[in-house]
N, C-alpha and C. Protein backbone atom coordinates (compact mmCIF):
# COMPACT_ATOMS: atom_id res chain seq x y z
N UNK A 1 99.68 107.50 87.95
CA UNK A 1 98.74 108.59 87.68
C UNK A 1 99.51 109.87 87.39
N UNK A 2 99.12 110.63 86.38
CA UNK A 2 99.82 111.87 86.07
C UNK A 2 99.46 112.94 87.07
N UNK A 3 100.37 113.92 87.19
CA UNK A 3 100.16 115.00 88.13
C UNK A 3 99.29 116.08 87.53
N UNK A 4 98.37 116.66 88.29
CA UNK A 4 97.62 117.84 87.90
C UNK A 4 97.76 118.85 89.01
N UNK A 5 97.57 120.13 88.66
CA UNK A 5 97.70 121.20 89.64
C UNK A 5 96.36 121.86 89.87
N UNK A 6 96.14 122.32 91.11
CA UNK A 6 94.95 123.10 91.36
C UNK A 6 95.26 124.55 90.98
N UNK A 7 94.32 125.47 91.21
CA UNK A 7 94.50 126.84 90.76
C UNK A 7 95.62 127.56 91.48
N UNK A 8 96.08 127.05 92.59
CA UNK A 8 97.17 127.68 93.32
C UNK A 8 98.51 127.02 92.98
N UNK A 9 98.51 126.06 92.05
CA UNK A 9 99.75 125.44 91.64
C UNK A 9 100.23 124.34 92.54
N UNK A 10 99.39 123.88 93.46
CA UNK A 10 99.81 122.81 94.38
C UNK A 10 99.21 121.49 93.94
N UNK A 11 99.74 120.41 94.48
CA UNK A 11 99.26 119.09 94.12
C UNK A 11 97.94 118.79 94.80
N UNK A 12 96.97 118.32 94.05
CA UNK A 12 95.67 117.98 94.61
C UNK A 12 95.75 116.79 95.52
N UNK A 13 94.78 116.65 96.41
CA UNK A 13 94.80 115.60 97.43
C UNK A 13 94.72 114.20 96.82
N UNK A 14 94.07 114.10 95.62
CA UNK A 14 93.89 112.79 95.03
C UNK A 14 95.05 112.38 94.13
N UNK A 15 96.02 113.28 93.92
CA UNK A 15 97.12 113.00 93.02
C UNK A 15 98.24 112.25 93.73
N UNK A 16 98.93 111.42 92.96
CA UNK A 16 100.08 110.72 93.50
C UNK A 16 101.26 110.90 92.55
N UNK A 17 102.44 111.05 93.12
CA UNK A 17 103.64 111.19 92.32
C UNK A 17 104.04 109.84 91.75
N UNK A 18 104.71 109.86 90.61
CA UNK A 18 105.31 108.63 90.13
C UNK A 18 106.50 108.30 91.03
N UNK A 19 106.94 107.05 91.01
CA UNK A 19 108.07 106.64 91.85
C UNK A 19 109.31 107.46 91.52
N UNK A 20 109.57 107.68 90.21
CA UNK A 20 110.76 108.42 89.81
C UNK A 20 110.76 109.85 90.29
N UNK A 21 109.62 110.54 90.14
CA UNK A 21 109.53 111.93 90.58
C UNK A 21 109.69 112.02 92.09
N UNK A 22 109.01 111.14 92.82
CA UNK A 22 109.10 111.15 94.28
C UNK A 22 110.54 110.93 94.74
N UNK A 23 111.23 110.00 94.08
CA UNK A 23 112.62 109.71 94.46
C UNK A 23 113.51 110.92 94.21
N UNK A 24 113.31 111.58 93.07
CA UNK A 24 114.15 112.76 92.78
C UNK A 24 113.83 113.91 93.71
N UNK A 25 112.56 114.15 93.99
CA UNK A 25 112.21 115.23 94.91
C UNK A 25 112.79 114.98 96.29
N UNK A 26 112.83 113.73 96.72
CA UNK A 26 113.40 113.40 98.02
C UNK A 26 114.89 113.73 98.05
N UNK A 27 115.57 113.50 96.92
CA UNK A 27 116.99 113.83 96.85
C UNK A 27 117.20 115.34 96.84
N UNK A 28 116.32 116.07 96.16
CA UNK A 28 116.41 117.53 96.18
C UNK A 28 116.22 118.04 97.61
N UNK A 29 115.27 117.43 98.32
CA UNK A 29 114.99 117.82 99.69
C UNK A 29 116.22 117.63 100.57
N UNK A 30 116.93 116.54 100.37
CA UNK A 30 118.13 116.27 101.15
C UNK A 30 119.20 117.34 100.89
N UNK A 31 119.40 117.69 99.63
CA UNK A 31 120.40 118.71 99.28
C UNK A 31 120.01 120.06 99.85
N UNK A 32 118.75 120.42 99.72
CA UNK A 32 118.29 121.72 100.23
C UNK A 32 118.44 121.81 101.74
N UNK A 33 118.14 120.73 102.44
CA UNK A 33 118.27 120.72 103.90
C UNK A 33 119.71 120.95 104.31
N UNK A 34 120.64 120.28 103.65
CA UNK A 34 122.05 120.44 103.98
C UNK A 34 122.56 121.82 103.58
N UNK A 35 122.10 122.33 102.44
CA UNK A 35 122.51 123.66 101.99
C UNK A 35 122.06 124.73 102.99
N UNK A 36 120.86 124.56 103.52
CA UNK A 36 120.37 125.51 104.52
C UNK A 36 121.24 125.46 105.77
N UNK A 37 121.63 124.25 106.19
CA UNK A 37 122.49 124.11 107.37
C UNK A 37 123.84 124.78 107.14
N UNK A 38 124.28 124.84 105.89
CA UNK A 38 125.55 125.48 105.55
C UNK A 38 125.43 127.00 105.48
N UNK A 39 124.22 127.51 105.67
CA UNK A 39 124.02 128.95 105.66
C UNK A 39 123.65 129.54 104.31
N UNK A 40 123.43 128.69 103.31
CA UNK A 40 123.06 129.19 101.98
C UNK A 40 121.60 129.62 101.97
N UNK A 41 121.31 130.68 101.20
CA UNK A 41 119.94 131.16 101.07
C UNK A 41 119.34 130.83 99.71
N UNK A 42 120.20 130.71 98.69
CA UNK A 42 119.73 130.40 97.35
C UNK A 42 120.58 129.29 96.76
N UNK A 43 120.01 128.59 95.79
CA UNK A 43 120.73 127.50 95.14
C UNK A 43 120.24 127.38 93.71
N UNK A 44 121.12 127.04 92.80
CA UNK A 44 120.75 126.90 91.39
C UNK A 44 120.48 125.43 91.06
N UNK A 45 119.81 125.21 89.94
CA UNK A 45 119.56 123.84 89.50
C UNK A 45 120.87 123.13 89.21
N UNK A 46 121.89 123.87 88.74
CA UNK A 46 123.18 123.25 88.46
C UNK A 46 123.86 122.79 89.76
N UNK A 47 123.72 123.58 90.81
CA UNK A 47 124.29 123.18 92.10
C UNK A 47 123.60 121.93 92.63
N UNK A 48 122.28 121.88 92.50
CA UNK A 48 121.55 120.68 92.92
C UNK A 48 122.01 119.49 92.09
N UNK A 49 122.22 119.72 90.80
CA UNK A 49 122.69 118.68 89.91
C UNK A 49 124.05 118.15 90.34
N UNK A 50 124.95 119.06 90.74
CA UNK A 50 126.29 118.65 91.15
C UNK A 50 126.25 117.71 92.35
N UNK A 51 125.27 117.90 93.24
CA UNK A 51 125.18 117.08 94.45
C UNK A 51 124.40 115.79 94.24
N UNK A 52 123.52 115.77 93.24
CA UNK A 52 122.65 114.60 93.04
C UNK A 52 122.97 113.78 91.80
N UNK A 53 123.78 114.36 90.89
CA UNK A 53 124.06 113.72 89.60
C UNK A 53 122.80 113.54 88.75
N UNK A 54 121.80 114.39 89.02
CA UNK A 54 120.61 114.44 88.18
C UNK A 54 120.76 115.64 87.27
N UNK A 55 120.48 115.47 85.98
CA UNK A 55 120.66 116.54 85.01
C UNK A 55 119.89 117.79 85.42
N UNK A 56 120.54 118.95 85.29
CA UNK A 56 119.92 120.21 85.70
C UNK A 56 118.62 120.48 84.96
N UNK A 57 118.57 120.08 83.69
CA UNK A 57 117.33 120.26 82.92
C UNK A 57 116.20 119.44 83.53
N UNK A 58 116.51 118.21 83.95
CA UNK A 58 115.51 117.36 84.60
C UNK A 58 115.03 117.98 85.90
N UNK A 59 115.95 118.57 86.65
CA UNK A 59 115.59 119.22 87.92
C UNK A 59 114.63 120.37 87.67
N UNK A 60 114.94 121.22 86.69
CA UNK A 60 114.06 122.35 86.39
C UNK A 60 112.70 121.86 85.90
N UNK A 61 112.71 120.78 85.13
CA UNK A 61 111.44 120.22 84.63
C UNK A 61 110.60 119.68 85.79
N UNK A 62 111.24 118.98 86.71
CA UNK A 62 110.52 118.44 87.87
C UNK A 62 109.87 119.55 88.68
N UNK A 63 110.65 120.60 88.95
CA UNK A 63 110.15 121.67 89.81
C UNK A 63 109.12 122.55 89.11
N UNK A 64 109.31 122.80 87.81
CA UNK A 64 108.37 123.65 87.09
C UNK A 64 106.99 123.01 86.94
N UNK A 65 106.94 121.67 87.09
CA UNK A 65 105.66 120.98 87.00
C UNK A 65 104.73 121.36 88.15
N UNK A 66 105.29 121.92 89.21
CA UNK A 66 104.49 122.25 90.40
C UNK A 66 104.37 123.75 90.65
N UNK A 67 104.90 124.57 89.77
CA UNK A 67 104.81 126.02 89.95
C UNK A 67 106.12 126.68 89.59
N UNK A 68 106.15 128.01 89.72
CA UNK A 68 107.36 128.77 89.42
C UNK A 68 108.09 129.09 90.73
N UNK A 69 109.17 128.36 90.97
CA UNK A 69 109.89 128.50 92.23
C UNK A 69 111.20 129.28 92.10
N UNK A 70 111.75 129.37 90.92
CA UNK A 70 113.06 130.01 90.76
C UNK A 70 113.05 131.03 89.63
N UNK A 71 114.15 131.80 89.55
CA UNK A 71 114.31 132.78 88.49
C UNK A 71 115.63 132.51 87.77
N UNK A 72 115.59 132.64 86.45
CA UNK A 72 116.79 132.40 85.66
C UNK A 72 117.91 133.34 86.10
N UNK A 73 119.07 132.79 86.36
CA UNK A 73 120.22 133.58 86.77
C UNK A 73 120.25 133.89 88.26
N UNK A 74 119.17 133.58 88.95
CA UNK A 74 119.09 133.88 90.39
C UNK A 74 119.03 132.60 91.21
N UNK A 75 118.35 131.60 90.66
CA UNK A 75 118.23 130.33 91.37
C UNK A 75 116.99 130.26 92.24
N UNK A 76 116.99 129.30 93.16
CA UNK A 76 115.85 129.05 94.02
C UNK A 76 116.11 129.53 95.43
N UNK A 77 115.08 130.11 96.04
CA UNK A 77 115.15 130.43 97.46
C UNK A 77 115.01 129.12 98.23
N UNK A 78 116.01 128.80 99.03
CA UNK A 78 116.05 127.49 99.68
C UNK A 78 114.89 127.29 100.64
N UNK A 79 114.61 128.26 101.49
CA UNK A 79 113.51 128.11 102.45
C UNK A 79 112.18 127.87 101.74
N UNK A 80 111.94 128.66 100.70
CA UNK A 80 110.68 128.55 99.97
C UNK A 80 110.57 127.19 99.29
N UNK A 81 111.66 126.77 98.64
CA UNK A 81 111.62 125.50 97.92
C UNK A 81 111.51 124.31 98.87
N UNK A 82 112.17 124.41 100.02
CA UNK A 82 112.03 123.36 101.03
C UNK A 82 110.57 123.18 101.42
N UNK A 83 109.90 124.30 101.70
CA UNK A 83 108.50 124.23 102.10
C UNK A 83 107.61 123.64 101.02
N UNK A 84 107.87 124.04 99.76
CA UNK A 84 107.04 123.55 98.67
C UNK A 84 107.23 122.05 98.43
N UNK A 85 108.49 121.59 98.47
CA UNK A 85 108.73 120.16 98.24
C UNK A 85 108.14 119.34 99.38
N UNK A 86 108.21 119.84 100.60
CA UNK A 86 107.59 119.11 101.71
C UNK A 86 106.08 119.01 101.54
N UNK A 87 105.47 120.07 100.99
CA UNK A 87 104.03 120.00 100.71
C UNK A 87 103.75 118.96 99.63
N UNK A 88 104.56 118.97 98.58
CA UNK A 88 104.36 118.03 97.49
C UNK A 88 104.52 116.59 97.97
N UNK A 89 105.53 116.36 98.81
CA UNK A 89 105.77 115.02 99.33
C UNK A 89 104.89 114.70 100.54
N UNK A 90 104.10 115.70 100.95
CA UNK A 90 103.17 115.53 102.08
C UNK A 90 103.91 115.12 103.35
N UNK A 91 105.01 115.84 103.62
CA UNK A 91 105.82 115.52 104.80
C UNK A 91 105.80 116.64 105.82
N UNK A 92 104.81 117.55 105.74
CA UNK A 92 104.73 118.59 106.76
C UNK A 92 104.34 117.98 108.10
N UNK A 93 104.68 118.66 109.15
CA UNK A 93 104.31 118.18 110.48
C UNK A 93 105.25 117.11 110.97
N UNK A 94 104.84 116.44 112.03
CA UNK A 94 105.68 115.42 112.65
C UNK A 94 105.10 114.03 112.42
N UNK A 95 105.98 113.09 112.12
CA UNK A 95 105.58 111.71 111.87
C UNK A 95 106.28 110.80 112.87
N UNK A 96 105.50 110.02 113.59
CA UNK A 96 106.08 109.12 114.58
C UNK A 96 106.46 107.78 113.95
N UNK A 97 107.67 107.31 114.27
CA UNK A 97 108.09 106.01 113.78
C UNK A 97 108.59 105.16 114.95
N UNK A 98 108.59 103.86 114.73
CA UNK A 98 109.09 102.92 115.73
C UNK A 98 110.36 102.27 115.21
N UNK A 99 111.37 102.18 116.06
CA UNK A 99 112.63 101.54 115.72
C UNK A 99 112.72 100.21 116.46
N UNK A 100 112.91 99.13 115.73
CA UNK A 100 113.02 97.82 116.37
C UNK A 100 114.45 97.34 116.25
N UNK A 101 115.10 97.22 117.39
CA UNK A 101 116.50 96.84 117.44
C UNK A 101 117.33 97.93 118.06
N UNK A 102 117.90 97.65 119.25
CA UNK A 102 118.69 98.66 119.96
C UNK A 102 120.16 98.27 120.01
N UNK A 103 120.60 97.48 119.02
CA UNK A 103 122.01 97.14 118.92
C UNK A 103 122.80 98.30 118.34
N UNK A 104 123.98 98.01 117.81
CA UNK A 104 124.82 99.09 117.30
C UNK A 104 124.16 99.86 116.16
N UNK A 105 123.53 99.15 115.23
CA UNK A 105 122.85 99.81 114.13
C UNK A 105 121.70 100.66 114.64
N UNK A 106 120.88 100.08 115.51
CA UNK A 106 119.75 100.83 116.06
C UNK A 106 120.20 102.06 116.81
N UNK A 107 121.27 101.94 117.57
CA UNK A 107 121.79 103.08 118.32
C UNK A 107 122.26 104.19 117.38
N UNK A 108 122.90 103.79 116.28
CA UNK A 108 123.36 104.78 115.31
C UNK A 108 122.19 105.50 114.65
N UNK A 109 121.15 104.74 114.33
CA UNK A 109 119.96 105.33 113.72
C UNK A 109 119.29 106.31 114.68
N UNK A 110 119.11 105.87 115.92
CA UNK A 110 118.42 106.70 116.91
C UNK A 110 119.20 107.95 117.27
N UNK A 111 120.52 107.90 117.15
CA UNK A 111 121.36 109.04 117.54
C UNK A 111 121.55 110.04 116.40
N UNK A 112 121.13 109.67 115.20
CA UNK A 112 121.32 110.55 114.06
C UNK A 112 120.30 111.70 114.08
N UNK A 113 120.74 112.92 113.76
CA UNK A 113 119.80 114.07 113.73
C UNK A 113 119.00 114.14 112.43
N UNK A 114 119.30 113.26 111.48
CA UNK A 114 118.68 113.37 110.15
C UNK A 114 117.16 113.26 110.22
N UNK A 115 116.65 112.34 111.02
CA UNK A 115 115.19 112.15 111.09
C UNK A 115 114.50 113.41 111.57
N UNK A 116 115.00 113.98 112.67
CA UNK A 116 114.38 115.18 113.24
C UNK A 116 114.39 116.35 112.26
N UNK A 117 115.43 116.43 111.43
CA UNK A 117 115.53 117.53 110.46
C UNK A 117 114.38 117.50 109.47
N UNK A 118 113.79 116.33 109.27
CA UNK A 118 112.69 116.21 108.31
C UNK A 118 111.35 115.95 109.00
N UNK A 119 111.25 116.28 110.27
CA UNK A 119 109.99 116.14 110.98
C UNK A 119 109.63 114.72 111.34
N UNK A 120 110.63 113.84 111.38
CA UNK A 120 110.39 112.43 111.73
C UNK A 120 110.84 112.20 113.16
N UNK A 121 109.93 111.72 113.97
CA UNK A 121 110.20 111.52 115.40
C UNK A 121 110.27 110.03 115.73
N UNK A 122 111.42 109.60 116.26
CA UNK A 122 111.52 108.22 116.73
C UNK A 122 110.79 108.16 118.06
N UNK A 123 109.54 107.73 118.00
CA UNK A 123 108.66 107.78 119.17
C UNK A 123 108.85 106.61 120.10
N UNK A 124 109.43 105.50 119.59
CA UNK A 124 109.61 104.32 120.42
C UNK A 124 110.73 103.45 119.86
N UNK A 125 111.48 102.83 120.77
CA UNK A 125 112.54 101.89 120.40
C UNK A 125 112.28 100.60 121.16
N UNK A 126 112.39 99.47 120.46
CA UNK A 126 112.09 98.18 121.08
C UNK A 126 113.26 97.20 120.94
N UNK A 127 113.37 96.33 121.92
CA UNK A 127 114.36 95.26 121.85
C UNK A 127 113.90 94.12 122.76
N UNK A 128 114.37 92.91 122.44
CA UNK A 128 114.02 91.75 123.26
C UNK A 128 115.06 91.49 124.35
N UNK A 129 116.20 92.15 124.28
CA UNK A 129 117.29 91.95 125.24
C UNK A 129 116.97 92.68 126.54
N UNK A 130 116.77 91.97 127.65
CA UNK A 130 116.44 92.64 128.92
C UNK A 130 117.54 93.60 129.40
N UNK A 131 118.78 93.37 128.97
CA UNK A 131 119.86 94.27 129.36
C UNK A 131 119.76 95.63 128.67
N UNK A 132 119.06 95.68 127.53
CA UNK A 132 118.91 96.93 126.79
C UNK A 132 117.64 97.68 127.20
N UNK A 133 116.62 96.95 127.63
CA UNK A 133 115.34 97.57 128.00
C UNK A 133 115.55 98.54 129.15
N UNK A 134 115.01 99.74 128.98
CA UNK A 134 115.13 100.77 130.00
C UNK A 134 116.27 101.73 129.77
N UNK A 135 117.24 101.33 128.98
CA UNK A 135 118.36 102.21 128.67
C UNK A 135 117.97 103.21 127.59
N UNK A 136 118.63 104.34 127.59
CA UNK A 136 118.33 105.34 126.58
C UNK A 136 119.09 105.08 125.29
N UNK A 137 118.40 105.19 124.18
CA UNK A 137 119.01 105.14 122.85
C UNK A 137 118.61 106.42 122.15
N UNK A 138 119.58 107.27 121.85
CA UNK A 138 119.24 108.61 121.40
C UNK A 138 118.57 109.32 122.56
N UNK A 139 117.37 109.81 122.36
CA UNK A 139 116.61 110.46 123.43
C UNK A 139 115.43 109.61 123.88
N UNK A 140 115.44 108.33 123.49
CA UNK A 140 114.28 107.48 123.75
C UNK A 140 114.69 106.25 124.58
N UNK A 141 113.96 105.95 125.65
CA UNK A 141 114.26 104.74 126.41
C UNK A 141 113.81 103.50 125.64
N UNK A 142 114.58 102.43 125.73
CA UNK A 142 114.24 101.20 125.03
C UNK A 142 113.11 100.49 125.76
N UNK A 143 112.09 100.11 125.00
CA UNK A 143 110.95 99.40 125.57
C UNK A 143 111.04 97.91 125.28
N UNK A 144 110.39 97.14 126.13
CA UNK A 144 110.33 95.70 125.92
C UNK A 144 109.55 95.42 124.63
N UNK A 145 110.06 94.52 123.82
CA UNK A 145 109.41 94.19 122.55
C UNK A 145 107.98 93.73 122.74
N UNK A 146 107.67 93.17 123.90
CA UNK A 146 106.31 92.71 124.17
C UNK A 146 105.31 93.86 124.16
N UNK A 147 105.80 95.10 124.30
CA UNK A 147 104.92 96.27 124.31
C UNK A 147 104.70 96.84 122.91
N UNK A 148 105.21 96.17 121.89
CA UNK A 148 105.19 96.71 120.53
C UNK A 148 103.80 97.12 120.06
N UNK A 149 102.87 96.20 120.07
CA UNK A 149 101.53 96.48 119.53
C UNK A 149 100.83 97.59 120.29
N UNK A 150 100.83 97.53 121.61
CA UNK A 150 100.15 98.55 122.40
C UNK A 150 100.74 99.93 122.16
N UNK A 151 102.08 100.02 122.11
CA UNK A 151 102.73 101.31 121.94
C UNK A 151 102.47 101.90 120.56
N UNK A 152 102.51 101.06 119.53
CA UNK A 152 102.26 101.53 118.17
C UNK A 152 100.86 102.12 118.06
N UNK A 153 99.91 101.48 118.68
CA UNK A 153 98.54 101.98 118.61
C UNK A 153 98.35 103.23 119.47
N UNK A 154 98.99 103.27 120.62
CA UNK A 154 98.89 104.43 121.50
C UNK A 154 99.50 105.69 120.88
N UNK A 155 100.60 105.50 120.15
CA UNK A 155 101.33 106.64 119.59
C UNK A 155 101.06 106.88 118.11
N UNK A 156 100.09 106.17 117.56
CA UNK A 156 99.68 106.36 116.18
C UNK A 156 100.86 106.25 115.22
N UNK A 157 101.60 105.17 115.36
CA UNK A 157 102.78 104.93 114.53
C UNK A 157 102.39 104.11 113.31
N UNK A 158 102.79 104.57 112.12
CA UNK A 158 102.48 103.83 110.90
C UNK A 158 103.74 103.39 110.17
N UNK A 159 104.92 103.77 110.70
CA UNK A 159 106.19 103.41 110.08
C UNK A 159 107.04 102.64 111.07
N UNK A 160 107.60 101.51 110.64
CA UNK A 160 108.49 100.73 111.48
C UNK A 160 109.85 100.60 110.81
N UNK A 161 110.92 100.84 111.58
CA UNK A 161 112.29 100.69 111.08
C UNK A 161 112.86 99.41 111.68
N UNK A 162 113.23 98.48 110.82
CA UNK A 162 113.71 97.16 111.25
C UNK A 162 115.24 97.15 111.24
N UNK A 163 115.83 97.09 112.43
CA UNK A 163 117.29 97.08 112.56
C UNK A 163 117.70 95.87 113.40
N UNK A 164 117.28 94.70 112.93
CA UNK A 164 117.55 93.44 113.65
C UNK A 164 118.24 92.48 112.68
N UNK A 165 118.85 91.40 113.19
CA UNK A 165 119.46 90.40 112.30
C UNK A 165 118.44 89.83 111.32
N UNK A 166 118.92 89.42 110.16
CA UNK A 166 118.04 88.94 109.09
C UNK A 166 117.14 87.79 109.55
N UNK A 167 117.64 86.93 110.41
CA UNK A 167 116.86 85.78 110.88
C UNK A 167 115.61 86.19 111.65
N UNK A 168 115.63 87.37 112.24
CA UNK A 168 114.50 87.83 113.06
C UNK A 168 113.61 88.83 112.32
N UNK A 169 114.05 89.27 111.14
CA UNK A 169 113.37 90.38 110.47
C UNK A 169 111.94 90.05 110.05
N UNK A 170 111.70 88.84 109.55
CA UNK A 170 110.35 88.50 109.08
C UNK A 170 109.36 88.50 110.24
N UNK A 171 109.74 87.97 111.39
CA UNK A 171 108.84 87.97 112.54
C UNK A 171 108.51 89.40 112.95
N UNK A 172 109.54 90.25 112.97
CA UNK A 172 109.31 91.66 113.32
C UNK A 172 108.36 92.30 112.31
N UNK A 173 108.57 92.02 111.03
CA UNK A 173 107.69 92.58 110.00
C UNK A 173 106.25 92.11 110.21
N UNK A 174 106.07 90.83 110.51
CA UNK A 174 104.73 90.30 110.76
C UNK A 174 104.06 91.02 111.93
N UNK A 175 104.83 91.22 113.01
CA UNK A 175 104.28 91.87 114.20
C UNK A 175 103.94 93.33 113.91
N UNK A 176 104.76 94.00 113.12
CA UNK A 176 104.50 95.39 112.76
C UNK A 176 103.21 95.50 111.95
N UNK A 177 103.06 94.62 110.98
CA UNK A 177 101.86 94.65 110.14
C UNK A 177 100.62 94.38 110.99
N UNK A 178 100.68 93.40 111.86
CA UNK A 178 99.54 93.08 112.73
C UNK A 178 99.21 94.24 113.67
N UNK A 179 100.21 95.07 113.95
CA UNK A 179 100.00 96.21 114.86
C UNK A 179 99.48 97.43 114.13
N UNK A 180 99.39 97.36 112.80
CA UNK A 180 98.84 98.47 112.03
C UNK A 180 99.85 99.26 111.23
N UNK A 181 101.12 98.90 111.27
CA UNK A 181 102.15 99.61 110.51
C UNK A 181 101.97 99.32 109.02
N UNK A 182 102.07 100.36 108.19
CA UNK A 182 101.89 100.19 106.75
C UNK A 182 103.12 100.56 105.94
N UNK A 183 104.17 101.02 106.60
CA UNK A 183 105.43 101.32 105.92
C UNK A 183 106.56 100.72 106.75
N UNK A 184 107.40 99.91 106.12
CA UNK A 184 108.52 99.28 106.81
C UNK A 184 109.82 99.67 106.12
N UNK A 185 110.74 100.20 106.89
CA UNK A 185 112.07 100.51 106.39
C UNK A 185 112.99 99.42 106.90
N UNK A 186 113.49 98.61 106.00
CA UNK A 186 114.20 97.39 106.36
C UNK A 186 115.72 97.56 106.23
N UNK A 187 116.43 97.53 107.36
CA UNK A 187 117.88 97.63 107.35
C UNK A 187 118.54 96.25 107.35
N UNK A 188 117.75 95.19 107.40
CA UNK A 188 118.32 93.85 107.38
C UNK A 188 118.46 93.37 105.94
N UNK A 189 119.11 92.22 105.75
CA UNK A 189 119.27 91.68 104.40
C UNK A 189 118.11 90.74 104.03
N UNK A 190 117.16 90.57 104.92
CA UNK A 190 116.05 89.65 104.67
C UNK A 190 115.12 90.17 103.59
N UNK A 191 114.56 89.25 102.81
CA UNK A 191 113.52 89.58 101.86
C UNK A 191 112.18 89.41 102.58
N UNK A 192 111.53 90.51 102.88
CA UNK A 192 110.33 90.48 103.70
C UNK A 192 109.08 90.18 102.88
N UNK A 193 108.25 89.29 103.39
CA UNK A 193 106.98 88.92 102.77
C UNK A 193 105.88 89.63 103.54
N UNK A 194 105.26 90.64 102.91
CA UNK A 194 104.23 91.43 103.58
C UNK A 194 103.02 91.57 102.65
N UNK A 195 101.86 91.94 103.20
CA UNK A 195 100.67 92.15 102.36
C UNK A 195 100.91 93.26 101.33
N UNK A 196 100.11 93.25 100.26
CA UNK A 196 100.30 94.21 99.17
C UNK A 196 100.09 95.65 99.59
N UNK A 197 99.31 95.88 100.64
CA UNK A 197 99.06 97.26 101.07
C UNK A 197 100.12 97.77 102.03
N UNK A 198 101.20 97.02 102.23
CA UNK A 198 102.31 97.45 103.09
C UNK A 198 103.52 97.72 102.21
N UNK A 199 104.10 98.91 102.36
CA UNK A 199 105.28 99.29 101.57
C UNK A 199 106.55 98.94 102.32
N UNK A 200 107.50 98.31 101.63
CA UNK A 200 108.78 97.96 102.23
C UNK A 200 109.90 98.62 101.43
N UNK A 201 110.77 99.32 102.13
CA UNK A 201 111.97 99.89 101.50
C UNK A 201 113.17 99.27 102.20
N UNK A 202 114.01 98.58 101.43
CA UNK A 202 115.18 97.93 102.00
C UNK A 202 116.43 98.74 101.69
N UNK A 203 117.19 99.04 102.72
CA UNK A 203 118.44 99.80 102.56
C UNK A 203 119.62 98.86 102.76
N UNK A 204 120.40 98.70 101.70
CA UNK A 204 121.57 97.83 101.76
C UNK A 204 122.76 98.60 101.19
N UNK A 205 123.67 99.08 102.05
CA UNK A 205 124.81 99.89 101.58
C UNK A 205 125.66 99.18 100.53
N UNK A 206 125.84 97.86 100.67
CA UNK A 206 126.67 97.13 99.71
C UNK A 206 126.05 97.16 98.32
N UNK A 207 124.74 96.95 98.24
CA UNK A 207 124.05 96.98 96.95
C UNK A 207 124.11 98.38 96.34
N UNK A 208 123.92 99.40 97.16
CA UNK A 208 123.97 100.77 96.67
C UNK A 208 125.38 101.12 96.19
N UNK A 209 126.40 100.58 96.86
CA UNK A 209 127.78 100.80 96.42
C UNK A 209 128.02 100.13 95.07
N UNK A 210 127.52 98.90 94.90
CA UNK A 210 127.67 98.20 93.63
C UNK A 210 127.00 98.98 92.50
N UNK A 211 125.85 99.56 92.79
CA UNK A 211 125.13 100.39 91.82
C UNK A 211 126.00 101.57 91.39
N UNK A 212 126.61 102.24 92.38
CA UNK A 212 127.47 103.39 92.08
C UNK A 212 128.70 102.96 91.29
N UNK A 213 129.30 101.84 91.67
CA UNK A 213 130.50 101.36 90.96
C UNK A 213 130.18 101.04 89.50
N UNK A 214 129.01 100.48 89.27
CA UNK A 214 128.64 100.13 87.89
C UNK A 214 128.62 101.36 86.99
N UNK A 215 128.03 102.44 87.48
CA UNK A 215 127.87 103.62 86.65
C UNK A 215 129.12 104.49 86.57
N UNK A 216 129.98 104.40 87.57
CA UNK A 216 131.15 105.27 87.57
C UNK A 216 132.44 104.59 87.12
N UNK A 217 132.43 103.26 87.08
CA UNK A 217 133.65 102.56 86.68
C UNK A 217 133.51 101.81 85.37
N UNK A 218 132.34 101.92 84.72
CA UNK A 218 132.16 101.24 83.44
C UNK A 218 131.87 102.24 82.35
């Protein structure tokens, strides 16, 4: 569906971004967040381009579709642009997610500050290992996996992060879907079979590295 703007230049409630635009805006958001942490107040489209490898003209075109955020020769105010992109991506406020798997990968995910920087709260961590249950991972105590469904419903969680071995990933995905989760972020190598109304994003560093090698070494 194409984007339309209301009289204030914001995205209407019934509009949806294309996959390409949403992906690029998410990358801009990442750069802006880090730039703010570095103490920068303004940033140019060329600087964003340098960090994302997205053409500066494309960046200006993406942003101008939603309003006038920058000035030629001055660049964009980072705080203002951060707020606007979060509105466009509908990521204001706090979003509760569940992390399944308290092994080394799960511990690394839970300990990372990246989620909190974008208003994402790891509200629950689950594992089947009784030696891990009750221990803290990040700032969250590990819960028994048997509590998955009840906790997801109690805490209004709609996103599940799967950080378990590939052999166990499909069962976890099934349990998440049955519990009401509609977005699954898959850190395993498994190909998950889920209903059409459930979104799955699989993160595989090796595949992403191969993608980068293809474009930079050929």
